[in-house]
C-alpha cells in the first residue's frame, strides 16, 4: 500500500510547501500546528500571496487561549499571520464550552465554501489534525468539527473530521524527520493509522528523505 495521494520527496519540506501554496494561490487555507507547521508558515511570509483575499481557518486546535504557547492559532499568528493581512482569521478557540465551540466552528465550516487548501501533518502515532488512534472522532461521518483528545496528548482539542478534510479540493500533508519514518512506513505497509484515511479531491504528501527513506 502507498500513501493515499501523490507523494513528493523533497529536499526541504517547508520551502516546497510555500512553493506549492504560491502555485495554487488559494483563497482559503486551513492551518495546523507543531514545529514543522511553524517552519512552513515562516516560509510563507516572504512569498507572493494575495493575503487580503485569503480566509484563514484551522484544522485543529488545543482548547487554550490564543495567548497560550500551546495554541496553534497563537503560533501561526506569531510566525505568519501578524506579518501579513489575511481577509479574515477564523480561530477555533472561543470563550464557550468545548462542545459549544465545536458546534460553532462546525456551523462556520458548513456555511463557508470548501476550503481551498488544508495543511496537515502526521504525528509519531500516525494521527493527523487531532484525529488520534482509537478515538471516536475517527468514525464521525456527519459532523465537520468535533471535540477530541486522548490520554497521550495534553489539552482537549477541536478537530476537523475526515468528512471536513475530504470536502477540500486540495490537502497538503507535510512530514519531516526521522521520528516520522515509522508511522509513514506503517501506513505504507497497510496499517490503518488515522493518517492513512486522509482523502480529498487531491492529496499531496511532501516528505523529506529522512521520512521516506
Protein backbone atom coordinates (compact mmCIF):
# COMPACT_ATOMS: atom_id res chain seq x y z
CA UNK A 1 0.00 0.00 0.00
CA UNK A 2 1.19 3.50 -0.77
CA UNK A 3 0.22 6.74 0.89
CA UNK A 4 -3.24 7.97 -0.11
CA UNK A 5 -2.37 10.57 -2.72
CA UNK A 6 0.56 11.96 -4.69
CA UNK A 7 3.93 11.61 -2.94
CA UNK A 8 6.66 14.20 -3.47
CA UNK A 9 10.03 13.54 -1.82
CA UNK A 10 11.72 16.92 -1.44
CA UNK A 11 14.90 18.39 0.00
CA UNK A 12 13.13 20.96 2.18
CA UNK A 13 9.52 20.39 3.14
CA UNK A 14 8.81 23.93 4.36
CA UNK A 15 10.17 25.56 1.20
CA UNK A 16 8.30 23.09 -1.00
CA UNK A 17 5.10 23.77 0.93
CA UNK A 18 5.44 27.52 0.37
CA UNK A 19 6.13 26.99 -3.33
CA UNK A 20 3.06 24.79 -3.66
CA UNK A 21 0.84 27.33 -1.93
CA UNK A 22 2.11 30.06 -4.26
CA UNK A 23 1.47 27.85 -7.28
CA UNK A 24 -2.14 27.21 -6.22
CA UNK A 25 -2.96 30.72 -4.89
CA UNK A 26 -5.76 29.56 -2.55
CA UNK A 27 -8.45 31.94 -1.41
CA UNK A 28 -8.89 29.96 1.81
CA UNK A 29 -6.47 27.84 3.79
CA UNK A 30 -6.68 25.76 6.96
CA UNK A 31 -3.57 25.75 9.14
CA UNK A 32 -2.24 23.26 11.68
CA UNK A 33 0.40 23.23 14.42
CA UNK A 34 3.71 21.76 15.67
CA UNK A 35 7.30 22.55 14.70
CA UNK A 36 7.11 21.69 11.01
CA UNK A 37 3.98 23.80 10.62
CA UNK A 38 5.92 26.67 12.20
CA UNK A 39 8.65 26.28 9.59
CA UNK A 40 6.10 26.00 6.78
CA UNK A 41 4.38 29.21 7.85
CA UNK A 42 7.66 31.04 8.28
CA UNK A 43 8.40 30.12 4.66
CA UNK A 44 5.07 31.66 3.60
CA UNK A 45 5.99 35.08 4.98
CA UNK A 46 8.19 36.02 2.06
CA UNK A 47 6.30 34.62 -0.91
CA UNK A 48 3.81 36.22 -3.27
CA UNK A 49 0.32 35.60 -1.94
CA UNK A 50 -2.71 37.87 -2.10
CA UNK A 51 -3.30 37.76 1.65
CA UNK A 52 -6.11 40.36 1.69
CA UNK A 53 -8.14 37.87 -0.38
CA UNK A 54 -7.40 34.81 1.82
CA UNK A 55 -9.55 33.46 4.65
CA UNK A 56 -7.57 31.54 7.28
CA UNK A 57 -9.11 28.63 9.17
CA UNK A 58 -7.64 25.99 11.49
CA UNK A 59 -7.94 22.24 11.06
CA UNK A 60 -7.43 21.52 14.75
CA UNK A 61 -6.67 23.34 17.96
CA UNK A 62 -5.83 22.75 21.57
CA UNK A 63 -8.64 24.32 23.57
CA UNK A 64 -6.48 27.04 25.11
CA UNK A 65 -6.48 30.83 24.67
CA UNK A 66 -4.57 32.21 21.70
CA UNK A 67 -2.00 33.69 24.09
CA UNK A 68 -1.02 30.21 25.29
CA UNK A 69 2.26 28.81 23.93
CA UNK A 70 0.28 25.63 23.15
CA UNK A 71 -2.15 27.37 20.79
CA UNK A 72 -1.90 26.52 17.09
CA UNK A 73 -3.50 29.84 16.24
CA UNK A 74 -1.08 31.67 18.52
CA UNK A 75 1.89 30.04 16.81
CA UNK A 76 0.50 30.82 13.36
CA UNK A 77 -0.09 34.44 14.36
CA UNK A 78 3.41 34.91 15.74
CA UNK A 79 5.15 33.24 12.83
CA UNK A 80 2.98 34.37 9.93
CA UNK A 81 -0.41 35.98 10.38
CA UNK A 82 0.74 39.01 12.36
CA UNK A 83 3.08 39.83 9.48
CA UNK A 84 0.57 39.59 6.64
CA UNK A 85 -3.00 40.82 6.28
CA UNK A 86 -5.44 37.97 5.68
CA UNK A 87 -9.01 38.81 4.78
CA UNK A 88 -10.12 37.02 7.96
CA UNK A 89 -8.74 34.70 10.63
CA UNK A 90 -11.28 32.19 11.90
CA UNK A 91 -9.91 30.84 15.17
CA UNK A 92 -11.29 27.69 16.77
CA UNK A 93 -10.89 28.74 20.39
CA UNK A 94 -13.82 30.64 21.88
CA UNK A 95 -14.98 31.63 25.33
CA UNK A 96 -17.51 28.81 25.26
CA UNK A 97 -17.69 25.25 26.45
CA UNK A 98 -15.71 22.79 24.35
CA UNK A 99 -18.92 21.31 22.93
CA UNK A 100 -20.40 24.71 22.09
CA UNK A 101 -17.15 25.84 20.45
CA UNK A 102 -17.17 22.67 18.34
CA UNK A 103 -20.78 23.38 17.31
CA UNK A 104 -19.94 26.98 16.39
CA UNK A 105 -16.96 26.03 14.24
CA UNK A 106 -18.89 23.18 12.63
CA UNK A 107 -21.58 25.69 11.64
CA UNK A 108 -18.91 28.08 10.30
CA UNK A 109 -17.41 25.39 8.09
CA UNK A 110 -20.84 24.29 6.85
CA UNK A 111 -21.81 27.78 5.74
CA UNK A 112 -18.40 28.50 4.17
CA UNK A 113 -17.32 27.32 0.72
CA UNK A 114 -14.98 24.32 0.77
CA UNK A 115 -11.55 25.37 1.98
CA UNK A 116 -9.19 25.59 -0.99
CA UNK A 117 -6.16 24.11 0.80
CA UNK A 118 -5.94 22.20 4.07
CA UNK A 119 -2.48 21.76 5.58
CA UNK A 120 -1.99 18.64 7.71
CA UNK A 121 0.86 16.85 9.41
CA UNK A 122 1.35 13.38 10.83
CA UNK A 123 2.23 12.59 14.44
CA UNK A 124 4.56 9.79 15.60
CA UNK A 125 1.45 7.74 16.45
CA UNK A 126 0.01 8.28 12.98
CA UNK A 127 -2.56 10.92 13.94
CA UNK A 128 -3.42 13.81 11.68
CA UNK A 129 -5.17 17.02 12.74
CA UNK A 130 -6.32 15.90 16.24
CA UNK A 131 -7.69 12.60 14.96
CA UNK A 132 -5.89 10.31 17.37
CA UNK A 133 -5.78 6.49 17.19
CA UNK A 134 -8.69 4.68 18.85
CA UNK A 135 -10.79 7.82 19.38
CA UNK A 136 -14.45 8.27 18.49
CA UNK A 137 -13.71 11.14 16.12
CA UNK A 138 -12.24 8.68 13.61
CA UNK A 139 -15.69 7.23 12.99
CA UNK A 140 -17.57 10.52 12.64
CA UNK A 141 -19.41 10.66 9.31
CA UNK A 142 -21.70 13.69 9.65
CA UNK A 143 -20.04 16.47 11.58
CA UNK A 144 -17.18 18.59 10.24
CA UNK A 145 -15.78 19.62 13.65
CA UNK A 146 -15.82 17.66 16.90
CA UNK A 147 -14.14 17.72 20.31
CA UNK A 148 -11.47 15.06 20.69
CA UNK A 149 -8.49 14.02 22.77
CA UNK A 150 -6.71 11.14 24.42
CA UNK A 151 -4.52 10.45 27.43
CA UNK A 152 -1.30 10.90 25.46
CA UNK A 153 -1.90 14.47 24.28
CA UNK A 154 -2.31 17.45 26.61
CA UNK A 155 -5.41 19.64 26.44
CA UNK A 156 -8.80 18.79 24.98
CA UNK A 157 -8.94 19.53 21.26
CA UNK A 158 -11.20 20.64 18.48
CA UNK A 159 -10.56 18.97 15.15
CA UNK A 160 -11.75 18.66 11.61
CA UNK A 161 -13.22 15.24 10.91
CA UNK A 162 -12.43 13.15 7.86
CA UNK A 163 -15.60 14.44 6.11
CA UNK A 164 -14.39 18.03 6.63
CA UNK A 165 -10.97 17.16 5.22
CA UNK A 166 -12.48 15.33 2.25
CA UNK A 167 -14.53 18.41 1.37
CA UNK A 168 -11.39 20.33 0.38
CA UNK A 169 -10.18 20.33 -3.23
CA UNK A 170 -6.57 20.08 -2.02
CA UNK A 171 -4.98 18.62 1.11
CA UNK A 172 -1.23 19.01 1.62
CA UNK A 173 0.34 16.65 4.16
CA UNK A 174 3.79 17.86 5.23
CA UNK A 175 6.03 15.38 7.08
CA UNK A 176 9.69 15.68 8.02
CA UNK A 177 12.24 13.99 10.26
CA UNK A 178 13.39 10.53 11.27
CA UNK A 179 10.81 10.34 14.08
CA UNK A 180 8.09 10.31 11.40
CA UNK A 181 9.67 7.48 9.42
CA UNK A 182 7.91 4.79 11.48
CA UNK A 183 4.30 5.99 11.05
CA UNK A 184 4.86 6.59 7.34
CA UNK A 185 6.31 3.09 6.97
CA UNK A 186 3.38 1.62 8.91
CA UNK A 187 0.86 3.33 6.62
CA UNK A 188 2.76 2.15 3.54
CA UNK A 189 2.69 -1.37 4.97
CA UNK A 190 -1.11 -1.22 5.12
CA UNK A 191 -1.70 -0.37 8.78
CA UNK A 192 -4.88 1.60 9.37
CA UNK A 193 -3.42 4.56 11.23
CA UNK A 194 -5.54 7.73 11.20
CA UNK A 195 -3.43 9.48 8.54
CA UNK A 196 -4.00 6.51 6.21
CA UNK A 197 -7.61 7.70 5.88
CA UNK A 198 -6.89 11.18 4.54
CA UNK A 199 -8.89 11.75 1.36
CA UNK A 200 -9.85 14.72 -0.78
CA UNK A 201 -10.14 15.60 -4.46
CA UNK A 202 -6.35 15.97 -4.44
CA UNK A 203 -3.92 14.93 -1.70
CA UNK A 204 -0.22 15.79 -1.95
CA UNK A 205 2.31 14.42 0.52
CA UNK A 206 5.51 16.44 0.96
CA UNK A 207 8.13 14.22 2.58
CA UNK A 208 11.86 14.53 3.10
CA UNK A 209 14.32 11.66 2.65
CA UNK A 210 14.65 11.11 6.39
CA UNK A 211 10.95 10.30 6.47
CA UNK A 212 10.59 8.39 3.22
CA UNK A 213 13.93 6.63 3.14
